[in-house]
N, C-alpha and C. Protein backbone atom coordinates (compact mmCIF):
# COMPACT_ATOMS: atom_id res chain seq x y z
N MET A 1 0.82 -1.16 -0.08
CA MET A 1 -0.04 -0.07 -0.06
C MET A 1 0.89 1.25 -0.06
N LYS A 2 1.96 1.23 0.73
CA LYS A 2 3.00 2.35 0.84
C LYS A 2 3.49 2.74 -0.65
N LYS A 3 3.93 1.65 -1.29
CA LYS A 3 4.30 1.84 -2.63
C LYS A 3 3.30 2.38 -3.51
N PHE A 4 2.14 2.12 -3.42
CA PHE A 4 0.97 2.68 -4.22
C PHE A 4 1.08 4.21 -3.86
N ALA A 5 0.96 4.44 -2.67
CA ALA A 5 0.82 5.89 -2.27
C ALA A 5 2.01 6.67 -2.78
N ASN A 6 3.37 6.06 -2.68
CA ASN A 6 4.45 6.80 -3.12
C ASN A 6 4.42 7.08 -4.54
N SER A 7 3.95 6.05 -5.34
CA SER A 7 3.71 6.33 -6.78
C SER A 7 2.83 7.36 -7.18
N ILE A 8 1.58 7.40 -6.45
CA ILE A 8 0.66 8.53 -6.68
C ILE A 8 1.43 9.96 -6.39
N VAL A 9 2.10 9.98 -5.25
CA VAL A 9 2.81 11.18 -4.97
C VAL A 9 3.94 11.59 -5.86
N GLU A 10 4.57 10.53 -6.55
CA GLU A 10 5.72 10.82 -7.56
C GLU A 10 4.87 11.36 -8.87
N PHE A 11 3.74 10.75 -9.16
CA PHE A 11 2.92 11.24 -10.26
C PHE A 11 2.59 12.74 -10.23
N LEU A 12 1.90 12.95 -9.06
CA LEU A 12 1.47 14.31 -8.79
C LEU A 12 2.76 15.37 -8.74
N LYS A 13 3.84 14.98 -8.42
CA LYS A 13 5.04 15.83 -8.36
C LYS A 13 5.37 16.21 -9.80
N GLU A 14 5.29 15.13 -10.67
CA GLU A 14 5.57 15.27 -12.14
C GLU A 14 4.65 16.05 -12.76
N GLU A 15 3.53 16.09 -12.52
CA GLU A 15 2.52 16.93 -13.23
C GLU A 15 1.91 18.05 -12.56
N ASP A 16 2.61 18.80 -11.84
CA ASP A 16 2.16 19.82 -11.10
C ASP A 16 1.41 20.98 -11.91
N GLY A 17 2.02 21.51 -12.82
CA GLY A 17 1.50 22.54 -13.56
C GLY A 17 0.08 22.30 -14.30
N PRO A 18 0.13 21.42 -15.15
CA PRO A 18 -1.03 21.07 -16.16
C PRO A 18 -2.13 20.48 -15.05
N THR A 19 -1.78 19.85 -14.07
CA THR A 19 -2.65 19.25 -13.16
C THR A 19 -3.50 20.25 -12.46
N ALA A 20 -2.76 21.17 -11.93
CA ALA A 20 -3.32 22.34 -11.05
C ALA A 20 -4.32 23.11 -12.05
N VAL A 21 -3.89 23.30 -13.24
CA VAL A 21 -4.82 24.06 -14.24
C VAL A 21 -6.08 23.21 -14.40
N GLU A 22 -5.88 21.91 -14.67
CA GLU A 22 -7.08 21.18 -14.93
C GLU A 22 -7.89 21.13 -13.68
N TYR A 23 -7.39 20.95 -12.56
CA TYR A 23 -8.28 21.00 -11.33
C TYR A 23 -8.96 22.36 -11.27
N ALA A 24 -8.21 23.39 -11.42
CA ALA A 24 -9.03 24.63 -11.40
C ALA A 24 -10.06 24.78 -12.26
N VAL A 25 -9.86 24.29 -13.51
CA VAL A 25 -10.89 24.38 -14.49
C VAL A 25 -12.21 23.62 -14.10
N MET A 26 -11.84 22.41 -13.59
CA MET A 26 -13.00 21.51 -13.11
C MET A 26 -13.61 22.14 -11.97
N LEU A 27 -12.92 22.59 -10.98
CA LEU A 27 -13.56 23.37 -9.93
C LEU A 27 -14.43 24.49 -10.31
N ALA A 28 -14.04 25.37 -11.27
CA ALA A 28 -14.85 26.48 -11.81
C ALA A 28 -16.01 25.97 -12.42
N LEU A 29 -16.01 24.79 -13.16
CA LEU A 29 -17.18 24.21 -13.67
C LEU A 29 -18.21 23.69 -12.79
N ILE A 30 -17.74 23.07 -11.77
CA ILE A 30 -18.50 22.62 -10.70
C ILE A 30 -19.28 23.79 -9.90
N VAL A 31 -18.47 24.81 -9.63
CA VAL A 31 -19.20 25.86 -9.01
C VAL A 31 -20.11 26.52 -9.81
N VAL A 32 -19.89 26.71 -11.08
CA VAL A 32 -20.97 27.17 -12.02
C VAL A 32 -22.14 26.35 -12.04
N VAL A 33 -22.02 25.20 -12.09
CA VAL A 33 -23.13 24.21 -12.22
C VAL A 33 -23.98 24.35 -10.87
N CYS A 34 -23.29 24.25 -9.60
CA CYS A 34 -23.86 24.41 -8.36
C CYS A 34 -24.71 25.68 -8.19
N LEU A 35 -24.14 26.76 -8.74
CA LEU A 35 -24.81 28.14 -8.55
C LEU A 35 -26.04 28.06 -9.44
N ALA A 36 -25.99 27.45 -10.67
CA ALA A 36 -27.12 27.58 -11.48
C ALA A 36 -28.16 26.52 -10.84
N ALA A 37 -27.70 25.38 -10.30
CA ALA A 37 -28.70 24.54 -9.70
C ALA A 37 -29.48 25.20 -8.35
N VAL A 38 -28.66 25.91 -7.61
CA VAL A 38 -29.13 26.46 -6.46
C VAL A 38 -30.17 27.74 -7.01
N GLY A 39 -29.68 28.44 -8.02
CA GLY A 39 -30.73 29.50 -8.52
C GLY A 39 -32.03 28.82 -8.94
N THR A 40 -31.96 27.79 -9.68
CA THR A 40 -33.08 27.13 -10.14
C THR A 40 -33.88 26.52 -9.11
N ILE A 41 -33.39 26.01 -8.15
CA ILE A 41 -34.02 25.44 -7.09
C ILE A 41 -34.77 26.50 -6.17
N GLY A 42 -34.15 27.53 -6.06
CA GLY A 42 -34.57 28.69 -5.38
C GLY A 42 -35.77 29.43 -5.96
N THR A 43 -35.76 29.61 -7.26
CA THR A 43 -36.79 30.01 -8.05
C THR A 43 -38.13 29.13 -8.01
N GLU A 44 -37.76 27.96 -8.35
CA GLU A 44 -38.93 26.93 -8.28
C GLU A 44 -39.49 26.81 -6.74
N SER A 45 -38.74 26.79 -5.91
CA SER A 45 -39.33 26.74 -4.48
C SER A 45 -40.08 27.99 -4.03
N ASN A 46 -39.65 29.24 -4.50
CA ASN A 46 -40.24 30.36 -4.20
C ASN A 46 -41.69 30.38 -4.88
N LYS A 47 -41.82 29.80 -6.40
CA LYS A 47 -42.98 29.58 -7.03
C LYS A 47 -43.93 28.73 -6.22
N LYS A 48 -43.45 27.65 -5.75
CA LYS A 48 -44.31 26.71 -4.93
C LYS A 48 -44.81 27.39 -3.52
N PHE A 49 -43.88 27.94 -2.90
CA PHE A 49 -44.35 28.73 -1.49
C PHE A 49 -45.42 29.78 -1.89
N GLU A 50 -45.32 30.47 -2.97
CA GLU A 50 -46.22 31.49 -3.37
C GLU A 50 -47.78 30.73 -3.78
N GLU A 51 -47.66 29.52 -4.37
CA GLU A 51 -48.57 28.79 -4.75
C GLU A 51 -49.44 28.38 -3.52
N VAL A 52 -48.62 27.85 -2.61
CA VAL A 52 -49.30 27.29 -1.35
C VAL A 52 -49.78 28.35 -0.49
N GLY A 53 -49.13 29.59 -0.49
CA GLY A 53 -49.58 30.68 0.22
C GLY A 53 -50.99 31.26 -0.21
N ALA A 54 -51.04 31.29 -1.58
CA ALA A 54 -52.22 31.76 -2.12
C ALA A 54 -53.38 30.73 -1.97
N ALA A 55 -53.11 29.55 -1.87
CA ALA A 55 -54.19 28.51 -1.47
C ALA A 55 -54.55 28.50 -0.13
N ILE A 56 -53.80 28.77 0.70
CA ILE A 56 -54.04 28.99 2.12
C ILE A 56 -54.97 30.03 2.29
N ALA A 57 -54.50 31.28 1.71
CA ALA A 57 -55.24 32.67 1.84
C ALA A 57 -56.67 32.61 1.20
N ALA A 58 -56.71 31.69 0.08
CA ALA A 58 -58.04 31.46 -0.41
C ALA A 58 -59.17 30.71 0.40
N ASN A 59 -58.54 29.94 1.38
CA ASN A 59 -59.38 29.28 2.25
C ASN A 59 -59.83 30.13 3.42
């Protein structure tokens, strides 16, 4: 197991520059998708709360 961990550490040392850029791009894409999802969920839940509130007020 230690040999496997050492091989991973060596690989990461060899690919520092490109790997860091790739991870930064992936992280940026994940953040954009999360923000879009949260915005959509917020909008849809707001619509549902307004619908429920109107139904309650009608009774």
